[in-house]
Amino acid sequence: MDNCSIHKGKEIEKLIEAVGAKLIYLPPYFLIFHQLKIVGQRSRTFYVLLVLGVIQI
């Protein structure tokens, strides 16, 4: 699970463990997710420029 503060509450941990799942937090910097974030940002930028007519295909 990511390190978002709402995911770290004791109530959430109890609910997850109650169904037999094991809770594992990701390290603060997880390379794969960082790369996906960069690709997503570039895709959004490309889409906005395309919609605004700044670039054409």
N, C-alpha and C. Protein backbone atom coordinates (compact mmCIF):
# COMPACT_ATOMS: atom_id res chain seq x y z
N MET A 1 0.84 -1.16 0.00
CA MET A 1 0.00 0.00 0.00
C MET A 1 0.89 1.23 0.00
N ASP A 2 0.39 2.31 -0.56
CA ASP A 2 1.20 3.51 -0.60
C ASP A 2 1.27 4.15 0.79
N ASN A 3 1.98 5.23 0.89
CA ASN A 3 2.22 5.86 2.19
C ASN A 3 1.29 7.04 2.48
N CYS A 4 0.15 7.08 1.83
CA CYS A 4 -0.82 8.13 2.09
C CYS A 4 -1.28 8.04 3.54
N SER A 5 -1.38 9.18 4.21
CA SER A 5 -1.67 9.18 5.64
C SER A 5 -3.01 8.52 5.99
N ILE A 6 -3.99 8.60 5.09
CA ILE A 6 -5.29 7.98 5.41
C ILE A 6 -5.23 6.46 5.39
N HIS A 7 -4.19 5.90 4.77
CA HIS A 7 -4.05 4.45 4.73
C HIS A 7 -3.30 3.90 5.93
N LYS A 8 -2.81 4.77 6.79
CA LYS A 8 -2.00 4.32 7.91
C LYS A 8 -2.75 4.28 9.23
N GLY A 9 -4.03 4.49 9.21
CA GLY A 9 -4.81 4.48 10.44
C GLY A 9 -4.95 3.07 11.02
N LYS A 10 -5.03 3.00 12.32
CA LYS A 10 -5.17 1.70 12.99
C LYS A 10 -6.47 1.00 12.58
N GLU A 11 -7.53 1.78 12.34
CA GLU A 11 -8.81 1.18 11.95
C GLU A 11 -8.69 0.49 10.59
N ILE A 12 -7.99 1.14 9.66
CA ILE A 12 -7.80 0.55 8.33
C ILE A 12 -6.99 -0.74 8.45
N GLU A 13 -5.92 -0.69 9.25
CA GLU A 13 -5.09 -1.88 9.44
C GLU A 13 -5.91 -3.03 10.01
N LYS A 14 -6.76 -2.75 10.98
CA LYS A 14 -7.60 -3.79 11.59
C LYS A 14 -8.55 -4.39 10.57
N LEU A 15 -9.17 -3.54 9.73
CA LEU A 15 -10.11 -4.03 8.72
C LEU A 15 -9.41 -4.94 7.70
N ILE A 16 -8.24 -4.54 7.29
CA ILE A 16 -7.49 -5.34 6.31
C ILE A 16 -7.07 -6.67 6.91
N GLU A 17 -6.54 -6.64 8.11
CA GLU A 17 -6.07 -7.86 8.77
C GLU A 17 -7.23 -8.77 9.18
N ALA A 18 -8.42 -8.20 9.37
CA ALA A 18 -9.59 -8.98 9.78
C ALA A 18 -10.02 -9.97 8.68
N VAL A 19 -9.73 -9.63 7.42
CA VAL A 19 -10.10 -10.53 6.33
C VAL A 19 -8.96 -11.47 5.96
N GLY A 20 -7.88 -11.42 6.73
CA GLY A 20 -6.78 -12.34 6.52
C GLY A 20 -5.70 -11.85 5.58
N ALA A 21 -5.78 -10.58 5.19
CA ALA A 21 -4.76 -10.03 4.29
C ALA A 21 -3.59 -9.49 5.10
N LYS A 22 -2.42 -9.50 4.49
CA LYS A 22 -1.23 -8.97 5.14
C LYS A 22 -0.96 -7.57 4.58
N LEU A 23 -0.74 -6.63 5.44
CA LEU A 23 -0.53 -5.25 5.05
C LEU A 23 0.95 -4.96 4.89
N ILE A 24 1.35 -4.55 3.70
CA ILE A 24 2.74 -4.20 3.42
C ILE A 24 2.76 -2.81 2.79
N TYR A 25 3.53 -1.91 3.38
CA TYR A 25 3.65 -0.56 2.85
C TYR A 25 4.82 -0.47 1.88
N LEU A 26 4.63 0.31 0.83
CA LEU A 26 5.70 0.54 -0.13
C LEU A 26 6.72 1.49 0.47
N PRO A 27 7.96 1.44 0.00
CA PRO A 27 8.93 2.44 0.45
C PRO A 27 8.50 3.83 -0.03
N PRO A 28 8.95 4.90 0.61
CA PRO A 28 8.52 6.24 0.22
C PRO A 28 8.76 6.56 -1.26
N TYR A 29 9.83 6.06 -1.83
CA TYR A 29 10.12 6.29 -3.24
C TYR A 29 10.13 4.93 -3.93
N PHE A 30 9.14 4.68 -4.75
CA PHE A 30 9.03 3.41 -5.44
C PHE A 30 9.22 3.69 -6.92
N LEU A 31 10.34 3.28 -7.48
CA LEU A 31 10.77 3.65 -8.82
C LEU A 31 9.73 3.39 -9.90
N ILE A 32 9.07 2.24 -9.86
CA ILE A 32 8.10 1.91 -10.90
C ILE A 32 6.95 2.92 -10.92
N PHE A 33 6.42 3.25 -9.74
CA PHE A 33 5.32 4.20 -9.70
C PHE A 33 5.75 5.60 -10.09
N HIS A 34 7.00 5.95 -9.78
CA HIS A 34 7.51 7.26 -10.17
C HIS A 34 7.57 7.37 -11.69
N GLN A 35 8.01 6.33 -12.36
CA GLN A 35 8.09 6.33 -13.82
C GLN A 35 6.70 6.42 -14.43
N LEU A 36 5.73 5.73 -13.85
CA LEU A 36 4.35 5.80 -14.35
C LEU A 36 3.79 7.21 -14.18
N LYS A 37 4.15 7.86 -13.10
CA LYS A 37 3.70 9.24 -12.85
C LYS A 37 4.24 10.17 -13.93
N ILE A 38 5.51 10.01 -14.28
CA ILE A 38 6.13 10.85 -15.31
C ILE A 38 5.44 10.64 -16.65
N VAL A 39 5.18 9.38 -17.01
CA VAL A 39 4.50 9.09 -18.28
C VAL A 39 3.11 9.71 -18.28
N GLY A 40 2.39 9.61 -17.17
CA GLY A 40 1.06 10.19 -17.08
C GLY A 40 1.08 11.70 -17.23
N GLN A 41 2.05 12.35 -16.61
CA GLN A 41 2.15 13.81 -16.71
C GLN A 41 2.44 14.23 -18.15
N ARG A 42 3.32 13.52 -18.81
CA ARG A 42 3.66 13.85 -20.21
C ARG A 42 2.47 13.60 -21.13
N SER A 43 1.72 12.54 -20.86
CA SER A 43 0.53 12.24 -21.67
C SER A 43 -0.52 13.33 -21.52
N ARG A 44 -0.73 13.78 -20.28
CA ARG A 44 -1.70 14.85 -20.04
C ARG A 44 -1.26 16.14 -20.73
N THR A 45 0.02 16.47 -20.65
CA THR A 45 0.53 17.68 -21.29
C THR A 45 0.33 17.60 -22.80
N PHE A 46 0.65 16.46 -23.39
CA PHE A 46 0.46 16.27 -24.83
C PHE A 46 -1.00 16.44 -25.20
N TYR A 47 -1.90 15.85 -24.42
CA TYR A 47 -3.34 15.94 -24.70
C TYR A 47 -3.83 17.39 -24.64
N VAL A 48 -3.41 18.13 -23.62
CA VAL A 48 -3.82 19.52 -23.48
C VAL A 48 -3.32 20.35 -24.66
N LEU A 49 -2.06 20.17 -25.04
CA LEU A 49 -1.52 20.91 -26.18
C LEU A 49 -2.25 20.54 -27.46
N LEU A 50 -2.63 19.29 -27.61
CA LEU A 50 -3.38 18.85 -28.78
C LEU A 50 -4.77 19.49 -28.82
N VAL A 51 -5.45 19.50 -27.69
CA VAL A 51 -6.79 20.09 -27.61
C VAL A 51 -6.75 21.60 -27.87
N LEU A 52 -5.73 22.25 -27.36
CA LEU A 52 -5.62 23.70 -27.56
C LEU A 52 -5.15 24.08 -28.95
N GLY A 53 -4.76 23.10 -29.74
CA GLY A 53 -4.32 23.37 -31.11
C GLY A 53 -2.88 23.81 -31.22
N VAL A 54 -2.14 23.70 -30.13
CA VAL A 54 -0.73 24.10 -30.15
C VAL A 54 0.08 23.13 -31.01
N ILE A 55 -0.29 21.84 -30.96
CA ILE A 55 0.36 20.83 -31.80
C ILE A 55 -0.70 20.14 -32.65
N GLN A 56 -0.27 19.61 -33.76
CA GLN A 56 -1.18 18.88 -34.63
C GLN A 56 -0.56 17.54 -35.00
N ILE A 57 -1.43 16.59 -35.23
CA ILE A 57 -0.95 15.26 -35.65
C ILE A 57 -1.20 15.10 -37.12
